[in-house]
Amino acid sequence: LMEILQSDCILAQVQAVRLLSSLAQKNDFLYDILNCQATHPGSLLFEV
């Protein structure tokens, strides 16, 4: 999901951000999301 978030496809990025934003509201997934390897959150300012 983090790779998709950093891909070149805007539509896929938007959908990945929406899913990750939903998961970020669940305590069970916070550590898994925060510990993912990433270069930068992406360029979709508002969603990110």
PDB file of all heavy atoms in Angstrom:
ATOM      1  N   LEU A   1       0.834  -1.204   0.000  1.00  0.00           N
ATOM      2  CA  LEU A   1       0.000   0.000   0.000  1.00  0.00           C
ATOM      3  C   LEU A   1       0.869   1.255   0.000  1.00  0.00           C
ATOM      4  O   LEU A   1       0.548   2.244  -0.666  1.00  0.00           O
ATOM      5  CB  LEU A   1      -0.925  -0.001   1.222  1.00  0.00           C
ATOM      6  CG  LEU A   1      -2.034  -1.058   1.246  1.00  0.00           C
ATOM      7  CD1 LEU A   1      -2.802  -0.999   2.559  1.00  0.00           C
ATOM      8  CD2 LEU A   1      -2.983  -0.875   0.067  1.00  0.00           C
ATOM      9  N   MET A   2       1.969   1.215   0.739  1.00  0.00           N
ATOM     10  CA  MET A   2       2.873   2.364   0.758  1.00  0.00           C
ATOM     11  C   MET A   2       3.539   2.552  -0.605  1.00  0.00           C
ATOM     12  O   MET A   2       3.773   3.683  -1.039  1.00  0.00           O
ATOM     13  CB  MET A   2       3.936   2.183   1.841  1.00  0.00           C
ATOM     14  CG  MET A   2       3.377   2.200   3.260  1.00  0.00           C
ATOM     15  SD  MET A   2       2.436   3.690   3.648  1.00  0.00           S
ATOM     16  CE  MET A   2       3.659   4.951   3.379  1.00  0.00           C
ATOM     17  N   GLU A   3       3.836   1.463  -1.299  1.00  0.00           N
ATOM     18  CA  GLU A   3       4.415   1.566  -2.646  1.00  0.00           C
ATOM     19  C   GLU A   3       3.417   2.195  -3.610  1.00  0.00           C
ATOM     20  O   GLU A   3       3.784   3.021  -4.461  1.00  0.00           O
ATOM     21  CB  GLU A   3       4.841   0.181  -3.142  1.00  0.00           C
ATOM     22  CG  GLU A   3       6.083  -0.369  -2.461  1.00  0.00           C
ATOM     23  CD  GLU A   3       6.519  -1.692  -3.066  1.00  0.00           C
ATOM     24  OE1 GLU A   3       6.255  -1.899  -4.259  1.00  0.00           O
ATOM     25  OE2 GLU A   3       7.104  -2.519  -2.337  1.00  0.00           O
ATOM     26  N   ILE A   4       2.153   1.786  -3.501  1.00  0.00           N
ATOM     27  CA  ILE A   4       1.109   2.375  -4.348  1.00  0.00           C
ATOM     28  C   ILE A   4       0.979   3.866  -4.043  1.00  0.00           C
ATOM     29  O   ILE A   4       0.808   4.692  -4.946  1.00  0.00           O
ATOM     30  CB  ILE A   4      -0.238   1.659  -4.127  1.00  0.00           C
ATOM     31  CG1 ILE A   4      -0.141   0.201  -4.591  1.00  0.00           C
ATOM     32  CG2 ILE A   4      -1.365   2.377  -4.875  1.00  0.00           C
ATOM     33  CD1 ILE A   4      -1.360  -0.631  -4.233  1.00  0.00           C
ATOM     34  N   LEU A   5       1.076   4.223  -2.763  1.00  0.00           N
ATOM     35  CA  LEU A   5       0.972   5.619  -2.352  1.00  0.00           C
ATOM     36  C   LEU A   5       2.062   6.474  -2.994  1.00  0.00           C
ATOM     37  O   LEU A   5       1.871   7.660  -3.251  1.00  0.00           O
ATOM     38  CB  LEU A   5       1.070   5.714  -0.828  1.00  0.00           C
ATOM     39  CG  LEU A   5       0.872   7.083  -0.186  1.00  0.00           C
ATOM     40  CD1 LEU A   5      -0.513   7.625  -0.483  1.00  0.00           C
ATOM     41  CD2 LEU A   5       1.099   7.006   1.311  1.00  0.00           C
ATOM     42  N   GLN A   6       3.204   5.859  -3.290  1.00  0.00           N
ATOM     43  CA  GLN A   6       4.332   6.591  -3.873  1.00  0.00           C
ATOM     44  C   GLN A   6       4.487   6.318  -5.367  1.00  0.00           C
ATOM     45  O   GLN A   6       5.499   6.662  -5.964  1.00  0.00           O
ATOM     46  CB  GLN A   6       5.619   6.194  -3.147  1.00  0.00           C
ATOM     47  CG  GLN A   6       5.571   6.522  -1.656  1.00  0.00           C
ATOM     48  CD  GLN A   6       6.712   5.899  -0.884  1.00  0.00           C
ATOM     49  OE1 GLN A   6       7.806   6.427  -0.839  1.00  0.00           O
ATOM     50  NE2 GLN A   6       6.456   4.755  -0.280  1.00  0.00           N
ATOM     51  N   SER A   7       3.458   5.722  -5.987  1.00  0.00           N
ATOM     52  CA  SER A   7       3.512   5.422  -7.409  1.00  0.00           C
ATOM     53  C   SER A   7       3.195   6.668  -8.228  1.00  0.00           C
ATOM     54  O   SER A   7       2.951   7.744  -7.687  1.00  0.00           O
ATOM     55  CB  SER A   7       2.518   4.306  -7.754  1.00  0.00           C
ATOM     56  OG  SER A   7       1.184   4.764  -7.598  1.00  0.00           O
ATOM     57  N   ASP A   8       3.185   6.516  -9.548  1.00  0.00           N
ATOM     58  CA  ASP A   8       2.920   7.638 -10.441  1.00  0.00           C
ATOM     59  C   ASP A   8       1.449   7.762 -10.828  1.00  0.00           C
ATOM     60  O   ASP A   8       1.082   8.673 -11.564  1.00  0.00           O
ATOM     61  CB  ASP A   8       3.755   7.511 -11.721  1.00  0.00           C
ATOM     62  CG  ASP A   8       5.249   7.608 -11.442  1.00  0.00           C
ATOM     63  OD1 ASP A   8       5.616   8.340 -10.501  1.00  0.00           O
ATOM     64  OD2 ASP A   8       6.036   6.964 -12.148  1.00  0.00           O
ATOM     65  N   CYS A   9       0.615   6.840 -10.366  1.00  0.00           N
ATOM     66  CA  CYS A   9      -0.806   6.858 -10.734  1.00  0.00           C
ATOM     67  C   CYS A   9      -1.607   7.598  -9.669  1.00  0.00           C
ATOM     68  O   CYS A   9      -1.755   7.115  -8.539  1.00  0.00           O
ATOM     69  CB  CYS A   9      -1.328   5.427 -10.900  1.00  0.00           C
ATOM     70  SG  CYS A   9      -3.082   5.342 -11.339  1.00  0.00           S
ATOM     71  N   ILE A  10      -2.122   8.770 -10.021  1.00  0.00           N
ATOM     72  CA  ILE A  10      -2.834   9.610  -9.066  1.00  0.00           C
ATOM     73  C   ILE A  10      -4.079   8.920  -8.514  1.00  0.00           C
ATOM     74  O   ILE A  10      -4.343   8.952  -7.305  1.00  0.00           O
ATOM     75  CB  ILE A  10      -3.226  10.958  -9.701  1.00  0.00           C
ATOM     76  CG1 ILE A  10      -1.971  11.729 -10.132  1.00  0.00           C
ATOM     77  CG2 ILE A  10      -4.046  11.794  -8.730  1.00  0.00           C
ATOM     78  CD1 ILE A  10      -1.073  12.123  -9.003  1.00  0.00           C
ATOM     79  N   LEU A  11      -4.861   8.271  -9.390  1.00  0.00           N
ATOM     80  CA  LEU A  11      -6.094   7.625  -8.933  1.00  0.00           C
ATOM     81  C   LEU A  11      -5.800   6.507  -7.933  1.00  0.00           C
ATOM     82  O   LEU A  11      -6.515   6.346  -6.941  1.00  0.00           O
ATOM     83  CB  LEU A  11      -6.873   7.073 -10.131  1.00  0.00           C
ATOM     84  CG  LEU A  11      -7.502   8.106 -11.064  1.00  0.00           C
ATOM     85  CD1 LEU A  11      -8.184   7.418 -12.243  1.00  0.00           C
ATOM     86  CD2 LEU A  11      -8.505   8.968 -10.319  1.00  0.00           C
ATOM     87  N   ALA A  12      -4.742   5.743  -8.187  1.00  0.00           N
ATOM     88  CA  ALA A  12      -4.355   4.684  -7.253  1.00  0.00           C
ATOM     89  C   ALA A  12      -3.858   5.289  -5.943  1.00  0.00           C
ATOM     90  O   ALA A  12      -4.147   4.775  -4.851  1.00  0.00           O
ATOM     91  CB  ALA A  12      -3.278   3.801  -7.881  1.00  0.00           C
ATOM     92  N   GLN A  13      -3.123   6.397  -6.026  1.00  0.00           N
ATOM     93  CA  GLN A  13      -2.641   7.083  -4.827  1.00  0.00           C
ATOM     94  C   GLN A  13      -3.800   7.532  -3.951  1.00  0.00           C
ATOM     95  O   GLN A  13      -3.794   7.331  -2.725  1.00  0.00           O
ATOM     96  CB  GLN A  13      -1.801   8.300  -5.222  1.00  0.00           C
ATOM     97  CG  GLN A  13      -0.411   7.986  -5.721  1.00  0.00           C
ATOM     98  CD  GLN A  13       0.346   9.262  -6.059  1.00  0.00           C
ATOM     99  OE1 GLN A  13      -0.219  10.218  -6.571  1.00  0.00           O
ATOM    100  NE2 GLN A  13       1.629   9.268  -5.771  1.00  0.00           N
ATOM    101  N   VAL A  14      -4.798   8.140  -4.574  1.00  0.00           N
ATOM    102  CA  VAL A  14      -5.950   8.639  -3.820  1.00  0.00           C
ATOM    103  C   VAL A  14      -6.647   7.497  -3.083  1.00  0.00           C
ATOM    104  O   VAL A  14      -6.988   7.619  -1.890  1.00  0.00           O
ATOM    105  CB  VAL A  14      -6.944   9.362  -4.756  1.00  0.00           C
ATOM    106  CG1 VAL A  14      -8.257   9.651  -4.038  1.00  0.00           C
ATOM    107  CG2 VAL A  14      -6.335  10.659  -5.281  1.00  0.00           C
ATOM    108  N   GLN A  15      -6.857   6.383  -3.770  1.00  0.00           N
ATOM    109  CA  GLN A  15      -7.529   5.248  -3.147  1.00  0.00           C
ATOM    110  C   GLN A  15      -6.683   4.655  -2.021  1.00  0.00           C
ATOM    111  O   GLN A  15      -7.215   4.250  -0.979  1.00  0.00           O
ATOM    112  CB  GLN A  15      -7.845   4.181  -4.202  1.00  0.00           C
ATOM    113  CG  GLN A  15      -8.851   4.608  -5.254  1.00  0.00           C
ATOM    114  CD  GLN A  15     -10.191   5.005  -4.673  1.00  0.00           C
ATOM    115  OE1 GLN A  15     -10.672   4.411  -3.721  1.00  0.00           O
ATOM    116  NE2 GLN A  15     -10.804   6.028  -5.251  1.00  0.00           N
ATOM    117  N   ALA A  16      -5.374   4.607  -2.209  1.00  0.00           N
ATOM    118  CA  ALA A  16      -4.483   4.077  -1.168  1.00  0.00           C
ATOM    119  C   ALA A  16      -4.493   4.984   0.060  1.00  0.00           C
ATOM    120  O   ALA A  16      -4.526   4.508   1.206  1.00  0.00           O
ATOM    121  CB  ALA A  16      -3.054   3.936  -1.717  1.00  0.00           C
ATOM    122  N   VAL A  17      -4.476   6.305  -0.155  1.00  0.00           N
ATOM    123  CA  VAL A  17      -4.522   7.257   0.963  1.00  0.00           C
ATOM    124  C   VAL A  17      -5.815   7.102   1.737  1.00  0.00           C
ATOM    125  O   VAL A  17      -5.829   7.131   2.972  1.00  0.00           O
ATOM    126  CB  VAL A  17      -4.351   8.702   0.450  1.00  0.00           C
ATOM    127  CG1 VAL A  17      -4.700   9.705   1.537  1.00  0.00           C
ATOM    128  CG2 VAL A  17      -2.929   8.938  -0.019  1.00  0.00           C
ATOM    129  N   ARG A  18      -6.921   6.946   1.028  1.00  0.00           N
ATOM    130  CA  ARG A  18      -8.218   6.786   1.703  1.00  0.00           C
ATOM    131  C   ARG A  18      -8.233   5.539   2.583  1.00  0.00           C
ATOM    132  O   ARG A  18      -8.725   5.565   3.718  1.00  0.00           O
ATOM    133  CB  ARG A  18      -9.342   6.726   0.671  1.00  0.00           C
ATOM    134  CG  ARG A  18      -9.649   8.071   0.043  1.00  0.00           C
ATOM    135  CD  ARG A  18     -10.736   7.963  -1.015  1.00  0.00           C
ATOM    136  NE  ARG A  18     -11.043   9.265  -1.602  1.00  0.00           N
ATOM    137  CZ  ARG A  18     -11.831   9.450  -2.638  1.00  0.00           C
ATOM    138  NH1 ARG A  18     -12.423   8.409  -3.216  1.00  0.00           N
ATOM    139  NH2 ARG A  18     -12.048  10.667  -3.110  1.00  0.00           N
ATOM    140  N   LEU A  19      -7.703   4.448   2.058  1.00  0.00           N
ATOM    141  CA  LEU A  19      -7.669   3.217   2.841  1.00  0.00           C
ATOM    142  C   LEU A  19      -6.754   3.372   4.049  1.00  0.00           C
ATOM    143  O   LEU A  19      -7.114   3.002   5.179  1.00  0.00           O
ATOM    144  CB  LEU A  19      -7.207   2.047   1.969  1.00  0.00           C
ATOM    145  CG  LEU A  19      -7.134   0.685   2.682  1.00  0.00           C
ATOM    146  CD1 LEU A  19      -8.498   0.290   3.237  1.00  0.00           C
ATOM    147  CD2 LEU A  19      -6.631  -0.395   1.724  1.00  0.00           C
ATOM    148  N   LEU A  20      -5.558   3.924   3.850  1.00  0.00           N
ATOM    149  CA  LEU A  20      -4.624   4.100   4.955  1.00  0.00           C
ATOM    150  C   LEU A  20      -5.160   5.089   5.993  1.00  0.00           C
ATOM    151  O   LEU A  20      -4.954   4.908   7.197  1.00  0.00           O
ATOM    152  CB  LEU A  20      -3.269   4.584   4.422  1.00  0.00           C
ATOM    153  CG  LEU A  20      -2.456   3.526   3.667  1.00  0.00           C
ATOM    154  CD1 LEU A  20      -1.279   4.174   2.937  1.00  0.00           C
ATOM    155  CD2 LEU A  20      -1.954   2.444   4.623  1.00  0.00           C
ATOM    156  N   SER A  21      -5.854   6.131   5.541  1.00  0.00           N
ATOM    157  CA  SER A  21      -6.454   7.090   6.480  1.00  0.00           C
ATOM    158  C   SER A  21      -7.510   6.419   7.342  1.00  0.00           C
ATOM    159  O   SER A  21      -7.626   6.698   8.544  1.00  0.00           O
ATOM    160  CB  SER A  21      -7.081   8.264   5.714  1.00  0.00           C
ATOM    161  OG  SER A  21      -6.100   9.035   5.073  1.00  0.00           O
ATOM    162  N   SER A  22      -8.260   5.521   6.735  1.00  0.00           N
ATOM    163  CA  SER A  22      -9.269   4.779   7.487  1.00  0.00           C
ATOM    164  C   SER A  22      -8.607   3.853   8.503  1.00  0.00           C
ATOM    165  O   SER A  22      -9.026   3.778   9.662  1.00  0.00           O
ATOM    166  CB  SER A  22     -10.138   3.962   6.518  1.00  0.00           C
ATOM    167  OG  SER A  22     -11.036   3.133   7.224  1.00  0.00           O
ATOM    168  N   LEU A  23      -7.542   3.178   8.086  1.00  0.00           N
ATOM    169  CA  LEU A  23      -6.842   2.257   8.985  1.00  0.00           C
ATOM    170  C   LEU A  23      -6.122   3.010  10.102  1.00  0.00           C
ATOM    171  O   LEU A  23      -5.948   2.475  11.206  1.00  0.00           O
ATOM    172  CB  LEU A  23      -5.834   1.410   8.196  1.00  0.00           C
ATOM    173  CG  LEU A  23      -6.426   0.462   7.145  1.00  0.00           C
ATOM    174  CD1 LEU A  23      -5.306  -0.260   6.398  1.00  0.00           C
ATOM    175  CD2 LEU A  23      -7.364  -0.549   7.793  1.00  0.00           C
ATOM    176  N   ALA A  24      -5.674   4.237   9.818  1.00  0.00           N
ATOM    177  CA  ALA A  24      -4.951   5.024  10.815  1.00  0.00           C
ATOM    178  C   ALA A  24      -5.824   5.373  12.021  1.00  0.00           C
ATOM    179  O   ALA A  24      -5.316   5.740  13.074  1.00  0.00           O
ATOM    180  CB  ALA A  24      -4.405   6.303  10.189  1.00  0.00           C
ATOM    181  N   GLN A  25      -7.137   5.249  11.868  1.00  0.00           N
ATOM    182  CA  GLN A  25      -8.058   5.520  12.971  1.00  0.00           C
ATOM    183  C   GLN A  25      -8.230   4.315  13.881  1.00  0.00           C
ATOM    184  O   GLN A  25      -8.909   4.402  14.906  1.00  0.00           O
ATOM    185  CB  GLN A  25      -9.413   5.956  12.416  1.00  0.00           C
ATOM    186  CG  GLN A  25      -9.356   7.241  11.609  1.00  0.00           C
ATOM    187  CD  GLN A  25     -10.702   7.624  11.047  1.00  0.00           C
ATOM    188  OE1 GLN A  25     -11.541   8.247  11.702  1.00  0.00           O
ATOM    189  NE2 GLN A  25     -10.937   7.264   9.803  1.00  0.00           N
ATOM    190  N   LYS A  26      -7.622   3.196  13.505  1.00  0.00           N
ATOM    191  CA  LYS A  26      -7.716   1.972  14.308  1.00  0.00           C
ATOM    192  C   LYS A  26      -6.383   1.765  15.020  1.00  0.00           C
ATOM    193  O   LYS A  26      -5.321   1.721  14.391  1.00  0.00           O
ATOM    194  CB  LYS A  26      -8.030   0.764  13.421  1.00  0.00           C
ATOM    195  CG  LYS A  26      -9.320   0.897  12.616  1.00  0.00           C
ATOM    196  CD  LYS A  26      -9.521  -0.313  11.719  1.00  0.00           C
ATOM    197  CE  LYS A  26     -10.738  -0.157  10.824  1.00  0.00           C
ATOM    198  NZ  LYS A  26     -11.995  -0.149  11.593  1.00  0.00           N
ATOM    199  N   ASN A  27      -6.419   1.625  16.333  1.00  0.00           N
ATOM    200  CA  ASN A  27      -5.190   1.455  17.107  1.00  0.00           C
ATOM    201  C   ASN A  27      -4.391   0.235  16.669  1.00  0.00           C
ATOM    202  O   ASN A  27      -3.160   0.231  16.735  1.00  0.00           O
ATOM    203  CB  ASN A  27      -5.524   1.333  18.599  1.00  0.00           C
ATOM    204  CG  ASN A  27      -5.955   2.655  19.203  1.00  0.00           C
ATOM    205  OD1 ASN A  27      -5.410   3.699  18.852  1.00  0.00           O
ATOM    206  ND2 ASN A  27      -6.934   2.628  20.097  1.00  0.00           N
ATOM    207  N   ASP A  28      -5.075  -0.801  16.197  1.00  0.00           N
ATOM    208  CA  ASP A  28      -4.391  -2.037  15.813  1.00  0.00           C
ATOM    209  C   ASP A  28      -3.423  -1.844  14.655  1.00  0.00           C
ATOM    210  O   ASP A  28      -2.489  -2.624  14.483  1.00  0.00           O
ATOM    211  CB  ASP A  28      -5.419  -3.117  15.431  1.00  0.00           C
ATOM    212  CG  ASP A  28      -6.210  -3.602  16.632  1.00  0.00           C
ATOM    213  OD1 ASP A  28      -5.788  -3.292  17.769  1.00  0.00           O
ATOM    214  OD2 ASP A  28      -7.243  -4.268  16.445  1.00  0.00           O
ATOM    215  N   PHE A  29      -3.652  -0.812  13.823  1.00  0.00           N
ATOM    216  CA  PHE A  29      -2.838  -0.645  12.618  1.00  0.00           C
ATOM    217  C   PHE A  29      -1.847   0.515  12.701  1.00  0.00           C
ATOM    218  O   PHE A  29      -1.034   0.690  11.796  1.00  0.00           O
ATOM    219  CB  PHE A  29      -3.748  -0.429  11.402  1.00  0.00           C
ATOM    220  CG  PHE A  29      -4.517  -1.645  11.001  1.00  0.00           C
ATOM    221  CD1 PHE A  29      -5.869  -1.741  11.294  1.00  0.00           C
ATOM    222  CD2 PHE A  29      -3.899  -2.709  10.356  1.00  0.00           C
ATOM    223  CE1 PHE A  29      -6.589  -2.869  10.936  1.00  0.00           C
ATOM    224  CE2 PHE A  29      -4.605  -3.834   9.998  1.00  0.00           C
ATOM    225  CZ  PHE A  29      -5.957  -3.919  10.292  1.00  0.00           C
ATOM    226  N   LEU A  30      -1.905   1.298  13.767  1.00  0.00           N
ATOM    227  CA  LEU A  30      -1.049   2.479  13.840  1.00  0.00           C
ATOM    228  C   LEU A  30       0.428   2.140  13.718  1.00  0.00           C
ATOM    229  O   LEU A  30       1.168   2.739  12.931  1.00  0.00           O
ATOM    230  CB  LEU A  30      -1.306   3.226  15.149  1.00  0.00           C
ATOM    231  CG  LEU A  30      -2.335   4.358  15.093  1.00  0.00           C
ATOM    232  CD1 LEU A  30      -2.552   4.931  16.481  1.00  0.00           C
ATOM    233  CD2 LEU A  30      -1.898   5.436  14.135  1.00  0.00           C
ATOM    234  N   TYR A  31       0.884   1.165  14.504  1.00  0.00           N
ATOM    235  CA  TYR A  31       2.310   0.824  14.468  1.00  0.00           C
ATOM    236  C   TYR A  31       2.713   0.290  13.099  1.00  0.00           C
ATOM    237  O   TYR A  31       3.768   0.644  12.567  1.00  0.00           O
ATOM    238  CB  TYR A  31       2.638  -0.213  15.546  1.00  0.00           C
ATOM    239  CG  TYR A  31       4.085  -0.666  15.489  1.00  0.00           C
ATOM    240  CD1 TYR A  31       5.092   0.166  15.952  1.00  0.00           C
ATOM    241  CD2 TYR A  31       4.426  -1.900  14.937  1.00  0.00           C
ATOM    242  CE1 TYR A  31       6.428  -0.226  15.882  1.00  0.00           C
ATOM    243  CE2 TYR A  31       5.747  -2.294  14.861  1.00  0.00           C
ATOM    244  CZ  TYR A  31       6.746  -1.464  15.341  1.00  0.00           C
ATOM    245  OH  TYR A  31       8.053  -1.856  15.255  1.00  0.00           O
ATOM    246  N   ASP A  32       1.866  -0.545  12.496  1.00  0.00           N
ATOM    247  CA  ASP A  32       2.186  -1.131  11.187  1.00  0.00           C
ATOM    248  C   ASP A  32       2.331  -0.057  10.120  1.00  0.00           C
ATOM    249  O   ASP A  32       3.216  -0.131   9.266  1.00  0.00           O
ATOM    250  CB  ASP A  32       1.090  -2.126  10.779  1.00  0.00           C
ATOM    251  CG  ASP A  32       0.947  -3.257  11.777  1.00  0.00           C
ATOM    252  OD1 ASP A  32       1.734  -4.216  11.694  1.00  0.00           O
ATOM    253  OD2 ASP A  32       0.057  -3.167  12.639  1.00  0.00           O
ATOM    254  N   ILE A  33       1.460   0.968  10.179  1.00  0.00           N
ATOM    255  CA  ILE A  33       1.529   2.051   9.198  1.00  0.00           C
ATOM    256  C   ILE A  33       2.761   2.917   9.440  1.00  0.00           C
ATOM    257  O   ILE A  33       3.534   3.213   8.530  1.00  0.00           O
ATOM    258  CB  ILE A  33       0.255   2.917   9.251  1.00  0.00           C
ATOM    259  CG1 ILE A  33      -0.973   2.090   8.863  1.00  0.00           C
ATOM    260  CG2 ILE A  33       0.388   4.127   8.325  1.00  0.00           C
ATOM    261  CD1 ILE A  33      -2.295   2.814   9.039  1.00  0.00           C
ATOM    262  N   LEU A  34       2.957   3.293  10.706  1.00  0.00           N
ATOM    263  CA  LEU A  34       4.063   4.192  11.028  1.00  0.00           C
ATOM    264  C   LEU A  34       5.423   3.547  10.807  1.00  0.00           C
ATOM    265  O   LEU A  34       6.425   4.237  10.575  1.00  0.00           O
ATOM    266  CB  LEU A  34       3.936   4.657  12.483  1.00  0.00           C
ATOM    267  CG  LEU A  34       2.804   5.651  12.750  1.00  0.00           C
ATOM    268  CD1 LEU A  34       2.605   5.840  14.247  1.00  0.00           C
ATOM    269  CD2 LEU A  34       3.085   6.987  12.082  1.00  0.00           C
ATOM    270  N   ASN A  35       5.490   2.226  10.874  1.00  0.00           N
ATOM    271  CA  ASN A  35       6.768   1.529  10.727  1.00  0.00           C
ATOM    272  C   ASN A  35       7.045   1.101   9.293  1.00  0.00           C
ATOM    273  O   ASN A  35       8.044   0.431   9.013  1.00  0.00           O
ATOM    274  CB  ASN A  35       6.810   0.298  11.644  1.00  0.00           C
ATOM    275  CG  ASN A  35       8.225  -0.151  11.920  1.00  0.00           C
ATOM    276  OD1 ASN A  35       9.118   0.670  12.129  1.00  0.00           O
ATOM    277  ND2 ASN A  35       8.450  -1.452  11.918  1.00  0.00           N
ATOM    278  N   CYS A  36       6.146   1.475   8.369  1.00  0.00           N
ATOM    279  CA  CYS A  36       6.372   1.133   6.962  1.00  0.00           C
ATOM    280  C   CYS A  36       7.517   1.967   6.394  1.00  0.00           C
ATOM    281  O   CYS A  36       7.686   3.130   6.733  1.00  0.00           O
ATOM    282  CB  CYS A  36       5.109   1.406   6.133  1.00  0.00           C
ATOM    283  SG  CYS A  36       3.898   0.094   6.214  1.00  0.00           S
ATOM    284  N   GLN A  37       8.295   1.355   5.510  1.00  0.00           N
ATOM    285  CA  GLN A  37       9.374   2.082   4.852  1.00  0.00           C
ATOM    286  C   GLN A  37       8.782   3.011   3.799  1.00  0.00           C
ATOM    287  O   GLN A  37       7.916   2.634   3.018  1.00  0.00           O
ATOM    288  CB  GLN A  37      10.341   1.095   4.194  1.00  0.00           C
ATOM    289  CG  GLN A  37      11.546   1.763   3.551  1.00  0.00           C
ATOM    290  CD  GLN A  37      12.573   0.739   3.109  1.00  0.00           C
ATOM    291  OE1 GLN A  37      12.637  -0.355   3.644  1.00  0.00           O
ATOM    292  NE2 GLN A  37      13.379   1.103   2.130  1.00  0.00           N
ATOM    293  N   ALA A  38       9.257   4.242   3.781  1.00  0.00           N
ATOM    294  CA  ALA A  38       8.711   5.221   2.842  1.00  0.00           C
ATOM    295  C   ALA A  38       9.749   6.282   2.546  1.00  0.00           C
ATOM    296  O   ALA A  38      10.589   6.604   3.377  1.00  0.00           O
ATOM    297  CB  ALA A  38       7.464   5.884   3.420  1.00  0.00           C
ATOM    298  N   THR A  39       9.682   6.834   1.355  1.00  0.00           N
ATOM    299  CA  THR A  39      10.580   7.936   0.987  1.00  0.00           C
ATOM    300  C   THR A  39       9.923   9.270   1.283  1.00  0.00           C
ATOM    301  O   THR A  39      10.537  10.173   1.813  1.00  0.00           O
ATOM    302  CB  THR A  39      10.939   7.868  -0.506  1.00  0.00           C
ATOM    303  OG1 THR A  39       9.741   7.851  -1.278  1.00  0.00           O
ATOM    304  CG2 THR A  39      11.750   6.613  -0.798  1.00  0.00           C
ATOM    305  N   HIS A  40       8.656   9.397   0.969  1.00  0.00           N
ATOM    306  CA  HIS A  40       7.895  10.600   1.305  1.00  0.00           C
ATOM    307  C   HIS A  40       6.420  10.263   1.216  1.00  0.00           C
ATOM    308  O   HIS A  40       6.017   9.338   0.528  1.00  0.00           O
ATOM    309  CB  HIS A  40       8.215  11.762   0.352  1.00  0.00           C
ATOM    310  CG  HIS A  40       7.996  11.419  -1.092  1.00  0.00           C
ATOM    311  ND1 HIS A  40       6.755  11.438  -1.670  1.00  0.00           N
ATOM    312  CD2 HIS A  40       8.879  11.036  -2.050  1.00  0.00           C
ATOM    313  CE1 HIS A  40       6.853  11.090  -2.938  1.00  0.00           C
ATOM    314  NE2 HIS A  40       8.128  10.837  -3.191  1.00  0.00           N
ATOM    315  N   PRO A  41       5.561  10.974   1.951  1.00  0.00           N
ATOM    316  CA  PRO A  41       4.149  10.622   1.985  1.00  0.00           C
ATOM    317  C   PRO A  41       3.444  10.727   0.649  1.00  0.00           C
ATOM    318  O   PRO A  41       2.431  10.118   0.434  1.00  0.00           O
ATOM    319  CB  PRO A  41       3.561  11.639   2.979  1.00  0.00           C
ATOM    320  CG  PRO A  41       4.720  12.140   3.749  1.00  0.00           C
ATOM    321  CD  PRO A  41       5.889  12.098   2.820  1.00  0.00           C
ATOM    322  N   GLY A  42       3.939  11.525  -0.285  1.00  0.00           N
ATOM    323  CA  GLY A  42       3.269  11.665  -1.579  1.00  0.00           C
ATOM    324  C   GLY A  42       3.001  13.128  -1.897  1.00  0.00           C
ATOM    325  O   GLY A  42       3.348  14.020  -1.129  1.00  0.00           O
ATOM    326  N   SER A  43       2.360  13.365  -3.009  1.00  0.00           N
ATOM    327  CA  SER A  43       2.139  14.737  -3.467  1.00  0.00           C
ATOM    328  C   SER A  43       0.678  15.157  -3.429  1.00  0.00           C
ATOM    329  O   SER A  43       0.337  16.249  -3.846  1.00  0.00           O
ATOM    330  CB  SER A  43       2.661  14.883  -4.904  1.00  0.00           C
ATOM    331  OG  SER A  43       1.994  13.978  -5.756  1.00  0.00           O
ATOM    332  N   LEU A  44      -0.189  14.319  -2.932  1.00  0.00           N
ATOM    333  CA  LEU A  44      -1.615  14.679  -2.846  1.00  0.00           C
ATOM    334  C   LEU A  44      -1.840  15.409  -1.534  1.00  0.00           C
ATOM    335  O   LEU A  44      -2.151  14.817  -0.510  1.00  0.00           O
ATOM    336  CB  LEU A  44      -2.476  13.414  -2.919  1.00  0.00           C
ATOM    337  CG  LEU A  44      -2.216  12.520  -4.118  1.00  0.00           C
ATOM    338  CD1 LEU A  44      -2.977  11.223  -3.979  1.00  0.00           C
ATOM    339  CD2 LEU A  44      -2.623  13.232  -5.380  1.00  0.00           C
ATOM    340  N   LEU A  45      -1.648  16.723  -1.580  1.00  0.00           N
ATOM    341  CA  LEU A  45      -1.525  17.507  -0.356  1.00  0.00           C
ATOM    342  C   LEU A  45      -2.650  17.296   0.650  1.00  0.00           C
ATOM    343  O   LEU A  45      -2.411  16.935   1.804  1.00  0.00           O
ATOM    344  CB  LEU A  45      -1.423  18.995  -0.714  1.00  0.00           C
ATOM    345  CG  LEU A  45      -0.080  19.446  -1.269  1.00  0.00           C
ATOM    346  CD1 LEU A  45      -0.146  20.921  -1.649  1.00  0.00           C
ATOM    347  CD2 LEU A  45       1.019  19.208  -0.275  1.00  0.00           C
ATOM    348  N   PHE A  46      -3.857  17.515   0.222  1.00  0.00           N
ATOM    349  CA  PHE A  46      -4.953  17.472   1.187  1.00  0.00           C
ATOM    350  C   PHE A  46      -5.123  16.078   1.777  1.00  0.00           C
ATOM    351  O   PHE A  46      -5.204  15.910   2.999  1.00  0.00           O
ATOM    352  CB  PHE A  46      -6.262  17.930   0.540  1.00  0.00           C
ATOM    353  CG  PHE A  46      -7.436  17.880   1.479  1.00  0.00           C
ATOM    354  CD1 PHE A  46      -7.572  18.816   2.487  1.00  0.00           C
ATOM    355  CD2 PHE A  46      -8.395  16.886   1.371  1.00  0.00           C
ATOM    356  CE1 PHE A  46      -8.641  18.772   3.370  1.00  0.00           C
ATOM    357  CE2 PHE A  46      -9.469  16.828   2.244  1.00  0.00           C
ATOM    358  CZ  PHE A  46      -9.592  17.781   3.240  1.00  0.00           C
ATOM    359  N   GLU A  47      -5.188  15.064   0.907  1.00  0.00           N
ATOM    360  CA  GLU A  47      -5.382  13.692   1.389  1.00  0.00           C
ATOM    361  C   GLU A  47      -4.239  13.264   2.300  1.00  0.00           C
ATOM    362  O   GLU A  47      -4.448  12.610   3.326  1.00  0.00           O
ATOM    363  CB  GLU A  47      -5.499  12.727   0.204  1.00  0.00           C
ATOM    364  CG  GLU A  47      -6.754  12.902  -0.635  1.00  0.00           C
ATOM    365  CD  GLU A  47      -8.005  12.421   0.072  1.00  0.00           C
ATOM    366  OE1 GLU A  47      -7.885  11.836   1.162  1.00  0.00           O
ATOM    367  OE2 GLU A  47      -9.099  12.652  -0.465  1.00  0.00           O
ATOM    368  N   VAL A  48      -3.019  13.636   1.935  1.00  0.00           N
ATOM    369  CA  VAL A  48      -1.867  13.250   2.740  1.00  0.00           C
ATOM    370  C   VAL A  48      -1.863  13.984   4.081  1.00  0.00           C
ATOM    371  O   VAL A  48      -1.484  13.430   5.110  1.00  0.00           O
ATOM    372  CB  VAL A  48      -0.558  13.515   1.965  1.00  0.00           C
ATOM    373  CG1 VAL A  48       0.652  13.331   2.867  1.00  0.00           C
ATOM    374  CG2 VAL A  48      -0.450  12.559   0.780  1.00  0.00           C
TER     375      VAL A  48
END
